[in-house]
PDB file of N, CA and C in Angstrom:
ATOM      1  N   MET A   1      83.102 292.450 145.606  1.00  0.00           N
ATOM      2  CA  MET A   1      83.438 293.834 145.373  1.00  0.00           C
ATOM      3  C   MET A   1      82.231 294.691 145.725  1.00  0.00           C
ATOM      4  N   VAL A   2      82.490 295.762 146.420  1.00  0.00           N
ATOM      5  CA  VAL A   2      81.422 296.663 146.819  1.00  0.00           C
ATOM      6  C   VAL A   2      81.388 297.836 145.847  1.00  0.00           C
ATOM      7  N   MET A   3      80.215 298.082 145.293  1.00  0.00           N
ATOM      8  CA  MET A   3      80.019 299.202 144.377  1.00  0.00           C
ATOM      9  C   MET A   3      79.301 300.326 145.117  1.00  0.00           C
ATOM     10  N   GLU A   4      79.700 301.548 144.814  1.00  0.00           N
ATOM     11  CA  GLU A   4      79.019 302.724 145.347  1.00  0.00           C
ATOM     12  C   GLU A   4      78.475 303.525 144.177  1.00  0.00           C
ATOM     13  N   LYS A   5      77.365 304.196 144.402  1.00  0.00           N
ATOM     14  CA  LYS A   5      76.826 305.089 143.369  1.00  0.00           C
ATOM     15  C   LYS A   5      77.620 306.387 143.371  1.00  0.00           C
ATOM     16  N   CYS A   6      77.743 306.975 142.195  1.00  0.00           N
ATOM     17  CA  CYS A   6      78.392 308.272 142.066  1.00  0.00           C
ATOM     18  C   CYS A   6      77.858 308.950 140.812  1.00  0.00           C
ATOM     19  N   ALA A   7      78.253 310.162 140.601  1.00  0.00           N
ATOM     20  CA  ALA A   7      77.909 310.901 139.376  1.00  0.00           C
ATOM     21  C   ALA A   7      79.104 311.778 139.042  1.00  0.00           C
ATOM     22  N   THR A   8      80.101 311.147 138.416  1.00  0.00           N
ATOM     23  CA  THR A   8      81.360 311.832 138.130  1.00  0.00           C
ATOM     24  C   THR A   8      81.609 311.857 136.624  1.00  0.00           C
ATOM     25  N   PRO A   9      81.722 313.058 136.038  1.00  0.00           N
ATOM     26  CA  PRO A   9      81.994 313.133 134.593  1.00  0.00           C
ATOM     27  C   PRO A   9      83.484 312.984 134.295  1.00  0.00           C
ATOM     28  N   PHE A  10      83.795 312.348 133.168  1.00  0.00           N
ATOM     29  CA  PHE A  10      85.178 312.204 132.692  1.00  0.00           C
ATOM     30  C   PHE A  10      85.218 312.568 131.218  1.00  0.00           C
ATOM     31  N   ARG A  11      86.351 313.109 130.792  1.00  0.00           N
ATOM     32  CA  ARG A  11      86.575 313.413 129.384  1.00  0.00           C
ATOM     33  C   ARG A  11      87.893 312.765 128.998  1.00  0.00           C
ATOM     34  N   PHE A  12      87.858 311.925 127.973  1.00  0.00           N
ATOM     35  CA  PHE A  12      89.044 311.200 127.544  1.00  0.00           C
ATOM     36  C   PHE A  12      89.551 311.770 126.219  1.00  0.00           C
ATOM     37  N   GLY A  13      90.474 311.089 125.592  1.00  0.00           N
ATOM     38  CA  GLY A  13      91.138 311.566 124.382  1.00  0.00           C
ATOM     39  C   GLY A  13      90.213 311.917 123.230  1.00  0.00           C
ATOM     40  N   ASP A  14      89.048 311.262 123.138  1.00  0.00           N
ATOM     41  CA  ASP A  14      88.137 311.553 122.028  1.00  0.00           C
ATOM     42  C   ASP A  14      87.323 312.829 122.263  1.00  0.00           C
ATOM     43  N   GLY A  15      87.479 313.435 123.469  1.00  0.00           N
ATOM     44  CA  GLY A  15      86.800 314.693 123.763  1.00  0.00           C
ATOM     45  C   GLY A  15      85.369 314.556 124.253  1.00  0.00           C
ATOM     46  N   LEU A  16      84.821 313.340 124.182  1.00  0.00           N
ATOM     47  CA  LEU A  16      83.436 313.145 124.614  1.00  0.00           C
ATOM     48  C   LEU A  16      83.375 312.936 126.122  1.00  0.00           C
ATOM     49  N   GLU A  17      82.342 313.512 126.751  1.00  0.00           N
ATOM     50  CA  GLU A  17      82.161 313.335 128.184  1.00  0.00           C
ATOM     51  C   GLU A  17      81.439 312.019 128.457  1.00  0.00           C
ATOM     52  N   VAL A  18      81.946 311.281 129.434  1.00  0.00           N
ATOM     53  CA  VAL A  18      81.357 310.021 129.851  1.00  0.00           C
ATOM     54  C   VAL A  18      81.057 310.139 131.342  1.00  0.00           C
ATOM     55  N   MET A  19      79.854 309.737 131.750  1.00  0.00           N
ATOM     56  CA  MET A  19      79.469 309.825 133.154  1.00  0.00           C
ATOM     57  C   MET A  19      79.714 308.488 133.842  1.00  0.00           C
ATOM     58  N   SER A  20      80.414 308.540 134.963  1.00  0.00           N
ATOM     59  CA  SER A  20      80.575 307.364 135.807  1.00  0.00           C
ATOM     60  C   SER A  20      79.442 307.381 136.829  1.00  0.00           C
ATOM     61  N   THR A  21      78.724 306.273 136.922  1.00  0.00           N
ATOM     62  CA  THR A  21      77.628 306.177 137.887  1.00  0.00           C
ATOM     63  C   THR A  21      77.943 305.190 139.016  1.00  0.00           C
ATOM     64  N   LYS A  22      79.114 304.532 138.914  1.00  0.00           N
ATOM     65  CA  LYS A  22      79.537 303.574 139.938  1.00  0.00           C
ATOM     66  C   LYS A  22      81.027 303.709 140.183  1.00  0.00           C
ATOM     67  N   LYS A  23      81.426 303.412 141.409  1.00  0.00           N
ATOM     68  CA  LYS A  23      82.854 303.328 141.718  1.00  0.00           C
ATOM     69  C   LYS A  23      83.062 302.181 142.691  1.00  0.00           C
ATOM     70  N   THR A  24      84.288 301.683 142.726  1.00  0.00           N
ATOM     71  CA  THR A  24      84.628 300.564 143.606  1.00  0.00           C
ATOM     72  C   THR A  24      86.067 300.715 144.066  1.00  0.00           C
ATOM     73  N   LYS A  25      86.465 299.899 145.003  1.00  0.00           N
ATOM     74  CA  LYS A  25      87.848 299.884 145.476  1.00  0.00           C
ATOM     75  C   LYS A  25      88.469 298.563 145.071  1.00  0.00           C
ATOM     76  N   ILE A  26      89.682 298.647 144.536  1.00  0.00           N
ATOM     77  CA  ILE A  26      90.393 297.487 144.012  1.00  0.00           C
ATOM     78  C   ILE A  26      91.732 297.373 144.738  1.00  0.00           C
ATOM     79  N   PRO A  27      92.007 296.225 145.358  1.00  0.00           N
ATOM     80  CA  PRO A  27      93.317 296.060 146.001  1.00  0.00           C
ATOM     81  C   PRO A  27      94.393 295.804 144.952  1.00  0.00           C
ATOM     82  N   GLY A  28      95.598 296.244 145.248  1.00  0.00           N
ATOM     83  CA  GLY A  28      96.705 296.008 144.335  1.00  0.00           C
ATOM     84  C   GLY A  28      98.029 296.283 145.016  1.00  0.00           C
ATOM     85  N   CYS A  29      99.089 296.234 144.243  1.00  0.00           N
ATOM     86  CA  CYS A  29     100.434 296.546 144.730  1.00  0.00           C
ATOM     87  C   CYS A  29     101.147 297.370 143.680  1.00  0.00           C
ATOM     88  N   ILE A  30     101.884 298.341 144.133  1.00  0.00           N
ATOM     89  CA  ILE A  30     102.842 299.023 143.265  1.00  0.00           C
ATOM     90  C   ILE A  30     104.188 298.735 143.908  1.00  0.00           C
ATOM     91  N   GLY A  31     104.984 297.945 143.214  1.00  0.00           N
ATOM     92  CA  GLY A  31     106.227 297.469 143.822  1.00  0.00           C
ATOM     93  C   GLY A  31     105.882 296.614 145.024  1.00  0.00           C
ATOM     94  N   LYS A  32     106.471 296.948 146.174  1.00  0.00           N
ATOM     95  CA  LYS A  32     106.206 296.195 147.411  1.00  0.00           C
ATOM     96  C   LYS A  32     105.117 296.847 148.254  1.00  0.00           C
ATOM     97  N   SER A  33     104.564 297.970 147.802  1.00  0.00           N
ATOM     98  CA  SER A  33     103.547 298.696 148.569  1.00  0.00           C
ATOM     99  C   SER A  33     102.151 298.200 148.234  1.00  0.00           C
ATOM    100  N   LYS A  34     101.430 297.774 149.259  1.00  0.00           N
ATOM    101  CA  LYS A  34     100.035 297.383 149.060  1.00  0.00           C
ATOM    102  C   LYS A  34      99.205 298.658 148.970  1.00  0.00           C
ATOM    103  N   ILE A  35      98.332 298.694 147.978  1.00  0.00           N
ATOM    104  CA  ILE A  35      97.518 299.885 147.750  1.00  0.00           C
ATOM    105  C   ILE A  35      96.049 299.505 147.582  1.00  0.00           C
ATOM    106  N   MET A  36      95.193 300.489 147.715  1.00  0.00           N
ATOM    107  CA  MET A  36      93.777 300.345 147.434  1.00  0.00           C
ATOM    108  C   MET A  36      93.449 301.442 146.418  1.00  0.00           C
ATOM    109  N   ILE A  37      92.953 301.033 145.269  1.00  0.00           N
ATOM    110  CA  ILE A  37      92.632 301.975 144.200  1.00  0.00           C
ATOM    111  C   ILE A  37      91.132 302.200 144.183  1.00  0.00           C
ATOM    112  N   GLU A  38      90.719 303.446 144.336  1.00  0.00           N
ATOM    113  CA  GLU A  38      89.312 303.779 144.167  1.00  0.00           C
ATOM    114  C   GLU A  38      89.124 304.098 142.690  1.00  0.00           C
ATOM    115  N   ALA A  39      88.333 303.283 142.016  1.00  0.00           N
ATOM    116  CA  ALA A  39      88.182 303.398 140.567  1.00  0.00           C
ATOM    117  C   ALA A  39      86.744 303.704 140.185  1.00  0.00           C
ATOM    118  N   ASN A  40      86.585 304.712 139.345  1.00  0.00           N
ATOM    119  CA  ASN A  40      85.278 304.989 138.758  1.00  0.00           C
ATOM    120  C   ASN A  40      85.101 304.076 137.559  1.00  0.00           C
ATOM    121  N   ILE A  41      83.884 303.610 137.369  1.00  0.00           N
ATOM    122  CA  ILE A  41      83.581 302.686 136.276  1.00  0.00           C
ATOM    123  C   ILE A  41      82.800 303.443 135.217  1.00  0.00           C
ATOM    124  N   VAL A  42      83.272 303.359 133.975  1.00  0.00           N
ATOM    125  CA  VAL A  42      82.604 304.028 132.859  1.00  0.00           C
ATOM    126  C   VAL A  42      82.254 303.004 131.787  1.00  0.00           C
ATOM    127  N   GLU A  43      81.245 303.318 131.008  1.00  0.00           N
ATOM    128  CA  GLU A  43      80.837 302.446 129.897  1.00  0.00           C
ATOM    129  C   GLU A  43      81.673 302.809 128.677  1.00  0.00           C
ATOM    130  N   LYS A  44      82.934 302.408 128.696  1.00  0.00           N
ATOM    131  CA  LYS A  44      83.865 302.717 127.617  1.00  0.00           C
ATOM    132  C   LYS A  44      84.987 301.691 127.705  1.00  0.00           C
ATOM    133  N   ASP A  45      85.506 301.268 126.579  1.00  0.00           N
ATOM    134  CA  ASP A  45      86.571 300.281 126.543  1.00  0.00           C
ATOM    135  C   ASP A  45      87.896 300.982 126.851  1.00  0.00           C
ATOM    136  N   LEU A  46      88.273 300.975 128.134  1.00  0.00           N
ATOM    137  CA  LEU A  46      89.488 301.646 128.598  1.00  0.00           C
ATOM    138  C   LEU A  46      90.212 300.776 129.605  1.00  0.00           C
ATOM    139  N   PRO A  47      91.536 300.921 129.689  1.00  0.00           N
ATOM    140  CA  PRO A  47      92.252 300.257 130.782  1.00  0.00           C
ATOM    141  C   PRO A  47      92.040 301.050 132.070  1.00  0.00           C
ATOM    142  N   LEU A  48      92.479 300.516 133.186  1.00  0.00           N
ATOM    143  CA  LEU A  48      92.452 301.249 134.435  1.00  0.00           C
ATOM    144  C   LEU A  48      93.446 302.398 134.315  1.00  0.00           C
ATOM    145  N   LEU A  49      92.975 303.612 134.518  1.00  0.00           N
ATOM    146  CA  LEU A  49      93.825 304.793 134.402  1.00  0.00           C
ATOM    147  C   LEU A  49      94.065 305.387 135.783  1.00  0.00           C
ATOM    148  N   LEU A  50      95.320 305.709 136.083  1.00  0.00           N
ATOM    149  CA  LEU A  50      95.662 306.400 137.322  1.00  0.00           C
ATOM    150  C   LEU A  50      95.896 307.861 136.975  1.00  0.00           C
ATOM    151  N   SER A  51      95.157 308.743 137.616  1.00  0.00           N
ATOM    152  CA  SER A  51      95.244 310.160 137.279  1.00  0.00           C
ATOM    153  C   SER A  51      96.528 310.791 137.800  1.00  0.00           C
ATOM    154  N   LYS A  52      96.913 311.873 137.169  1.00  0.00           N
ATOM    155  CA  LYS A  52      98.056 312.657 137.622  1.00  0.00           C
ATOM    156  C   LYS A  52      97.817 313.118 139.061  1.00  0.00           C
ATOM    157  N   ALA A  53      96.595 313.559 139.356  1.00  0.00           N
ATOM    158  CA  ALA A  53      96.267 314.041 140.706  1.00  0.00           C
ATOM    159  C   ALA A  53      96.428 312.936 141.752  1.00  0.00           C
ATOM    160  N   SER A  54      95.986 311.708 141.434  1.00  0.00           N
ATOM    161  CA  SER A  54      96.097 310.623 142.419  1.00  0.00           C
ATOM    162  C   SER A  54      97.558 310.208 142.611  1.00  0.00           C
ATOM    163  N   LEU A  55      98.332 310.175 141.543  1.00  0.00           N
ATOM    164  CA  LEU A  55      99.756 309.851 141.669  1.00  0.00           C
ATOM    165  C   LEU A  55     100.484 310.930 142.470  1.00  0.00           C
ATOM    166  N   LYS A  56     100.134 312.176 142.216  1.00  0.00           N
ATOM    167  CA  LYS A  56     100.746 313.301 142.928  1.00  0.00           C
ATOM    168  C   LYS A  56     100.410 313.224 144.424  1.00  0.00           C
ATOM    169  N   LYS A  57      99.143 312.967 144.733  1.00  0.00           N
ATOM    170  CA  LYS A  57      98.690 312.854 146.124  1.00  0.00           C
ATOM    171  C   LYS A  57      99.429 311.731 146.854  1.00  0.00           C
ATOM    172  N   ALA A  58      99.753 310.652 146.137  1.00  0.00           N
ATOM    173  CA  ALA A  58     100.462 309.512 146.722  1.00  0.00           C
ATOM    174  C   ALA A  58     101.965 309.752 146.826  1.00  0.00           C
ATOM    175  N   GLY A  59     102.445 310.890 146.308  1.00  0.00           N
ATOM    176  CA  GLY A  59     103.868 311.202 146.377  1.00  0.00           C
ATOM    177  C   GLY A  59     104.700 310.495 145.324  1.00  0.00           C
ATOM    178  N   ALA A  60     104.051 309.992 144.277  1.00  0.00           N
ATOM    179  CA  ALA A  60     104.772 309.292 143.204  1.00  0.00           C
ATOM    180  C   ALA A  60     105.553 310.301 142.359  1.00  0.00           C
ATOM    181  N   VAL A  61     106.701 309.866 141.859  1.00  0.00           N
ATOM    182  CA  VAL A  61     107.536 310.704 140.999  1.00  0.00           C
ATOM    183  C   VAL A  61     107.853 309.927 139.730  1.00  0.00           C
ATOM    184  N   LEU A  62     107.520 310.504 138.576  1.00  0.00           N
ATOM    185  CA  LEU A  62     107.852 309.895 137.289  1.00  0.00           C
ATOM    186  C   LEU A  62     109.223 310.379 136.849  1.00  0.00           C
ATOM    187  N   ASP A  63     110.109 309.445 136.517  1.00  0.00           N
ATOM    188  CA  ASP A  63     111.420 309.790 135.986  1.00  0.00           C
ATOM    189  C   ASP A  63     111.424 309.415 134.513  1.00  0.00           C
ATOM    190  N   PHE A  64     111.278 310.422 133.666  1.00  0.00           N
ATOM    191  CA  PHE A  64     111.185 310.188 132.228  1.00  0.00           C
ATOM    192  C   PHE A  64     112.523 309.769 131.623  1.00  0.00           C
ATOM    193  N   ARG A  65     113.638 310.124 132.259  1.00  0.00           N
ATOM    194  CA  ARG A  65     114.945 309.724 131.730  1.00  0.00           C
ATOM    195  C   ARG A  65     115.160 308.225 131.864  1.00  0.00           C
ATOM    196  N   THR A  66     114.674 307.635 132.969  1.00  0.00           N
ATOM    197  CA  THR A  66     114.926 306.215 133.222  1.00  0.00           C
ATOM    198  C   THR A  66     113.678 305.348 133.060  1.00  0.00           C
ATOM    199  N   ASP A  67     112.548 305.959 132.723  1.00  0.00           N
ATOM    200  CA  ASP A  67     111.276 305.241 132.612  1.00  0.00           C
ATOM    201  C   ASP A  67     110.968 304.462 133.888  1.00  0.00           C
ATOM    202  N   LYS A  68     111.063 305.166 135.017  1.00  0.00           N
ATOM    203  CA  LYS A  68     110.773 304.560 136.314  1.00  0.00           C
ATOM    204  C   LYS A  68     109.789 305.436 137.082  1.00  0.00           C
ATOM    205  N   LEU A  69     109.058 304.773 137.988  1.00  0.00           N
ATOM    206  CA  LEU A  69     108.160 305.452 138.914  1.00  0.00           C
ATOM    207  C   LEU A  69     108.762 305.296 140.302  1.00  0.00           C
ATOM    208  N   ARG A  70     109.010 306.409 140.966  1.00  0.00           N
ATOM    209  CA  ARG A  70     109.485 306.357 142.359  1.00  0.00           C
ATOM    210  C   ARG A  70     108.243 306.379 143.236  1.00  0.00           C
ATOM    211  N   PHE A  71     108.038 305.302 144.020  1.00  0.00           N
ATOM    212  CA  PHE A  71     106.831 305.170 144.824  1.00  0.00           C
ATOM    213  C   PHE A  71     107.203 304.576 146.176  1.00  0.00           C
ATOM    214  N   ASN A  72     106.934 305.304 147.246  1.00  0.00           N
ATOM    215  CA  ASN A  72     107.263 304.864 148.607  1.00  0.00           C
ATOM    216  C   ASN A  72     108.726 304.445 148.737  1.00  0.00           C
ATOM    217  N   GLY A  73     109.626 305.216 148.167  1.00  0.00           N
ATOM    218  CA  GLY A  73     111.053 304.944 148.284  1.00  0.00           C
ATOM    219  C   GLY A  73     111.578 303.838 147.386  1.00  0.00           C
ATOM    220  N   GLU A  74     110.746 303.336 146.485  1.00  0.00           N
ATOM    221  CA  GLU A  74     111.142 302.238 145.599  1.00  0.00           C
ATOM    222  C   GLU A  74     111.047 302.690 144.145  1.00  0.00           C
ATOM    223  N   ASP A  75     112.014 302.303 143.328  1.00  0.00           N
ATOM    224  CA  ASP A  75     111.972 302.580 141.891  1.00  0.00           C
ATOM    225  C   ASP A  75     111.314 301.407 141.182  1.00  0.00           C
ATOM    226  N   ILE A  76     110.227 301.694 140.467  1.00  0.00           N
ATOM    227  CA  ILE A  76     109.479 300.654 139.755  1.00  0.00           C
ATOM    228  C   ILE A  76     109.623 300.886 138.263  1.00  0.00           C
ATOM    229  N   ASP A  77     109.991 299.828 137.527  1.00  0.00           N
ATOM    230  CA  ASP A  77     110.105 299.933 136.078  1.00  0.00           C
ATOM    231  C   ASP A  77     108.736 300.191 135.465  1.00  0.00           C
ATOM    232  N   LEU A  78     108.683 301.146 134.533  1.00  0.00           N
ATOM    233  CA  LEU A  78     107.470 301.418 133.775  1.00  0.00           C
ATOM    234  C   LEU A  78     107.619 300.810 132.387  1.00  0.00           C
ATOM    235  N   PHE A  79     106.517 300.476 131.783  1.00  0.00           N
ATOM    236  CA  PHE A  79     106.497 299.925 130.442  1.00  0.00           C
ATOM    237  C   PHE A  79     105.728 300.876 129.560  1.00  0.00           C
ATOM    238  N   GLU A  80     106.048 300.881 128.287  1.00  0.00           N
ATOM    239  CA  GLU A  80     105.422 301.812 127.350  1.00  0.00           C
ATOM    240  C   GLU A  80     104.592 301.057 126.334  1.00  0.00           C
ATOM    241  N   THR A  81     103.360 301.537 126.132  1.00  0.00           N
ATOM    242  CA  THR A  81     102.490 300.927 125.131  1.00  0.00           C
ATOM    243  C   THR A  81     102.824 301.502 123.761  1.00  0.00           C
ATOM    244  N   GLU A  82     102.269 300.907 122.718  1.00  0.00           N
ATOM    245  CA  GLU A  82     102.459 301.437 121.362  1.00  0.00           C
ATOM    246  C   GLU A  82     101.920 302.848 121.237  1.00  0.00           C
ATOM    247  N   SER A  83     100.911 303.182 122.049  1.00  0.00           N
ATOM    248  CA  SER A  83     100.347 304.527 122.014  1.00  0.00           C
ATOM    249  C   SER A  83     101.141 305.494 122.889  1.00  0.00           C
ATOM    250  N   LYS A  84     102.291 305.043 123.412  1.00  0.00           N
ATOM    251  CA  LYS A  84     103.244 305.859 124.176  1.00  0.00           C
ATOM    252  C   LYS A  84     102.776 306.229 125.575  1.00  0.00           C
ATOM    253  N   HIS A  85     101.839 305.468 126.132  1.00  0.00           N
ATOM    254  CA  HIS A  85     101.435 305.674 127.514  1.00  0.00           C
ATOM    255  C   HIS A  85     102.262 304.757 128.411  1.00  0.00           C
ATOM    256  N   TYR A  86     102.502 305.211 129.636  1.00  0.00           N
ATOM    257  CA  TYR A  86     103.176 304.358 130.604  1.00  0.00           C
ATOM    258  C   TYR A  86     102.184 303.377 131.210  1.00  0.00           C
ATOM    259  N   CYS A  87     102.667 302.180 131.560  1.00  0.00           N
ATOM    260  CA  CYS A  87     101.879 301.247 132.363  1.00  0.00           C
ATOM    261  C   CYS A  87     102.761 300.771 133.513  1.00  0.00           C
ATOM    262  N   VAL A  88     102.092 300.497 134.612  1.00  0.00           N
ATOM    263  CA  VAL A  88     102.784 300.008 135.802  1.00  0.00           C
ATOM    264  C   VAL A  88     102.048 298.761 136.290  1.00  0.00           C
ATOM    265  N   PRO A  89     102.780 297.683 136.602  1.00  0.00           N
ATOM    266  CA  PRO A  89     102.120 296.500 137.143  1.00  0.00           C
ATOM    267  C   PRO A  89     101.467 296.838 138.483  1.00  0.00           C
ATOM    268  N   LEU A  90     100.233 296.377 138.685  1.00  0.00           N
ATOM    269  CA  LEU A  90      99.512 296.649 139.930  1.00  0.00           C
ATOM    270  C   LEU A  90      99.405 295.434 140.832  1.00  0.00           C
ATOM    271  N   CYS A  91      99.790 294.276 140.347  1.00  0.00           N
ATOM    272  CA  CYS A  91      99.851 293.084 141.191  1.00  0.00           C
ATOM    273  C   CYS A  91     100.653 292.030 140.438  1.00  0.00           C
ATOM    274  N   THR A  92     101.030 290.996 141.165  1.00  0.00           N
ATOM    275  CA  THR A  92     101.904 289.993 140.548  1.00  0.00           C
ATOM    276  C   THR A  92     101.395 288.572 140.707  1.00  0.00           C
ATOM    277  N   LYS A  93     100.182 288.412 141.222  1.00  0.00           N
ATOM    278  CA  LYS A  93      99.686 287.052 141.399  1.00  0.00           C
ATOM    279  C   LYS A  93      98.169 287.028 141.297  1.00  0.00           C
ATOM    280  N   LYS A  94      97.635 285.830 141.303  1.00  0.00           N
ATOM    281  CA  LYS A  94      96.192 285.633 141.228  1.00  0.00           C
ATOM    282  C   LYS A  94      95.526 286.179 142.491  1.00  0.00           C
ATOM    283  N   ARG A  95      94.436 286.890 142.319  1.00  0.00           N
ATOM    284  CA  ARG A  95      93.694 287.439 143.452  1.00  0.00           C
ATOM    285  C   ARG A  95      92.280 286.904 143.418  1.00  0.00           C
ATOM    286  N   LEU A  96      91.754 286.607 144.569  1.00  0.00           N
ATOM    287  CA  LEU A  96      90.396 286.118 144.694  1.00  0.00           C
ATOM    288  C   LEU A  96      89.624 287.115 145.549  1.00  0.00           C
ATOM    289  N   LEU A  97      88.568 287.669 144.985  1.00  0.00           N
ATOM    290  CA  LEU A  97      87.749 288.620 145.719  1.00  0.00           C
ATOM    291  C   LEU A  97      86.500 287.899 146.195  1.00  0.00           C
ATOM    292  N   ILE A  98      86.231 287.962 147.470  1.00  0.00           N
ATOM    293  CA  ILE A  98      85.133 287.224 148.092  1.00  0.00           C
ATOM    294  C   ILE A  98      84.008 288.191 148.465  1.00  0.00           C
ATOM    295  N   GLU A  99      82.780 287.736 148.261  1.00  0.00           N
ATOM    296  CA  GLU A  99      81.615 288.512 148.684  1.00  0.00           C
ATOM    297  C   GLU A  99      81.671 288.708 150.196  1.00  0.00           C
ATOM    298  N   PRO A 100      81.016 289.747 150.734  1.00  0.00           N
ATOM    299  CA  PRO A 100      81.049 289.992 152.181  1.00  0.00           C
ATOM    300  C   PRO A 100      80.596 288.805 153.033  1.00  0.00           C
ATOM    301  N   ASP A 101      79.725 287.927 152.503  1.00  0.00           N
ATOM    302  CA  ASP A 101      79.293 286.765 153.286  1.00  0.00           C
ATOM    303  C   ASP A 101      80.358 285.660 153.308  1.00  0.00           C
ATOM    304  N   HIS A 102      81.455 285.858 152.583  1.00  0.00           N
ATOM    305  CA  HIS A 102      82.593 284.932 152.537  1.00  0.00           C
ATOM    306  C   HIS A 102      82.226 283.532 152.058  1.00  0.00           C
ATOM    307  N   LYS A 103      81.166 283.402 151.283  1.00  0.00           N
ATOM    308  CA  LYS A 103      80.722 282.077 150.847  1.00  0.00           C
ATOM    309  C   LYS A 103      81.220 281.695 149.464  1.00  0.00           C
ATOM    310  N   LYS A 104      81.241 282.627 148.541  1.00  0.00           N
ATOM    311  CA  LYS A 104      81.655 282.241 147.194  1.00  0.00           C
ATOM    312  C   LYS A 104      82.377 283.396 146.507  1.00  0.00           C
ATOM    313  N   PRO A 105      83.300 283.067 145.622  1.00  0.00           N
ATOM    314  CA  PRO A 105      84.001 284.129 144.905  1.00  0.00           C
ATOM    315  C   PRO A 105      83.048 284.843 143.959  1.00  0.00           C
ATOM    316  N   SER A 106      83.167 286.167 143.910  1.00  0.00           N
ATOM    317  CA  SER A 106      82.366 286.920 142.957  1.00  0.00           C
ATOM    318  C   SER A 106      83.187 287.250 141.722  1.00  0.00           C
ATOM    319  N   LEU A 107      84.505 287.247 141.880  1.00  0.00           N
ATOM    320  CA  LEU A 107      85.357 287.600 140.757  1.00  0.00           C
ATOM    321  C   LEU A 107      86.744 287.044 141.017  1.00  0.00           C
ATOM    322  N   VAL A 108      87.305 286.400 140.039  1.00  0.00           N
ATOM    323  CA  VAL A 108      88.687 285.943 140.134  1.00  0.00           C
ATOM    324  C   VAL A 108      89.475 286.702 139.082  1.00  0.00           C
ATOM    325  N   LEU A 109      90.484 287.430 139.526  1.00  0.00           N
ATOM    326  CA  LEU A 109      91.348 288.148 138.601  1.00  0.00           C
ATOM    327  C   LEU A 109      92.636 287.362 138.471  1.00  0.00           C
ATOM    328  N   THR A 110      92.895 286.839 137.301  1.00  0.00           N
ATOM    329  CA  THR A 110      94.148 286.144 137.049  1.00  0.00           C
ATOM    330  C   THR A 110      95.030 287.100 136.272  1.00  0.00           C
ATOM    331  N   VAL A 111      96.159 287.427 136.841  1.00  0.00           N
ATOM    332  CA  VAL A 111      97.026 288.411 136.230  1.00  0.00           C
ATOM    333  C   VAL A 111      97.975 287.716 135.267  1.00  0.00           C
ATOM    334  N   THR A 112      97.794 288.002 133.987  1.00  0.00           N
ATOM    335  CA  THR A 112      98.644 287.441 132.935  1.00  0.00           C
ATOM    336  C   THR A 112      99.649 288.505 132.509  1.00  0.00           C
ATOM    337  N   GLU A 113     100.582 288.127 131.672  1.00  0.00           N
ATOM    338  CA  GLU A 113     101.523 289.112 131.127  1.00  0.00           C
ATOM    339  C   GLU A 113     100.759 290.255 130.458  1.00  0.00           C
ATOM    340  N   GLU A 114      99.723 289.925 129.686  1.00  0.00           N
ATOM    341  CA  GLU A 114      98.947 290.951 129.000  1.00  0.00           C
ATOM    342  C   GLU A 114      98.237 291.858 129.997  1.00  0.00           C
ATOM    343  N   ALA A 115      97.697 291.261 131.069  1.00  0.00           N
ATOM    344  CA  ALA A 115      97.010 292.071 132.084  1.00  0.00           C
ATOM    345  C   ALA A 115      97.993 292.964 132.820  1.00  0.00           C
ATOM    346  N   LEU A 116      99.192 292.450 133.074  1.00  0.00           N
ATOM    347  CA  LEU A 116     100.190 293.248 133.790  1.00  0.00           C
ATOM    348  C   LEU A 116     100.750 294.375 132.927  1.00  0.00           C
ATOM    349  N   PHE A 117     101.050 294.072 131.673  1.00  0.00           N
ATOM    350  CA  PHE A 117     101.800 295.004 130.868  1.00  0.00           C
ATOM    351  C   PHE A 117     101.048 295.542 129.661  1.00  0.00           C
ATOM    352  N   GLY A 118      99.832 295.068 129.399  1.00  0.00           N
ATOM    353  CA  GLY A 118      99.079 295.499 128.231  1.00  0.00           C
ATOM    354  C   GLY A 118      99.510 294.708 127.022  1.00  0.00           C
ATOM    355  N   LYS A 119      98.586 294.497 126.109  1.00  0.00           N
ATOM    356  CA  LYS A 119      98.916 293.650 124.957  1.00  0.00           C
ATOM    357  C   LYS A 119      99.895 294.308 124.005  1.00  0.00           C
ATOM    358  N   ASP A 120     100.014 295.647 124.095  1.00  0.00           N
ATOM    359  CA  ASP A 120     100.950 296.321 123.192  1.00  0.00           C
ATOM    360  C   ASP A 120     102.128 296.933 123.939  1.00  0.00           C
ATOM    361  N   ALA A 121     102.402 296.466 125.166  1.00  0.00           N
ATOM    362  CA  ALA A 121     103.501 297.017 125.962  1.00  0.00           C
ATOM    363  C   ALA A 121     104.837 296.555 125.431  1.00  0.00           C
ATOM    364  N   LYS A 122     105.788 297.457 125.453  1.00  0.00           N
ATOM    365  CA  LYS A 122     107.179 297.151 125.088  1.00  0.00           C
ATOM    366  C   LYS A 122     107.973 297.039 126.376  1.00  0.00           C
ATOM    367  N   ARG A 123     108.692 295.934 126.543  1.00  0.00           N
ATOM    368  CA  ARG A 123     109.516 295.767 127.746  1.00  0.00           C
ATOM    369  C   ARG A 123     110.967 295.874 127.398  1.00  0.00           C
TER     370      ARG A 123
END
């Protein structure tokens, strides 16, 4: 994974400002669409959050009546956490990220039910 330096402030639900000093790109899928997520990294215990602005830019449409995300012409089921936030699966299988020298894995992400849907997701 390649990290870039940045200086981006974020404010979350607790109202405190947190500075992101690094960002990276993460491959994933929403439905059948392969995507690349540019994610800022913060020193806070948070899940990966997709902003309203990034979803809007991608042409995503939230349907609150059916709890679905319309993305690239496909309807994707959304799941709801106990805290009433939506979650969307970003991949469906094990991914291996290789260092640029292609010699050894730097990170293996194994996608479990909890990773896909959150430990408090209701399906």
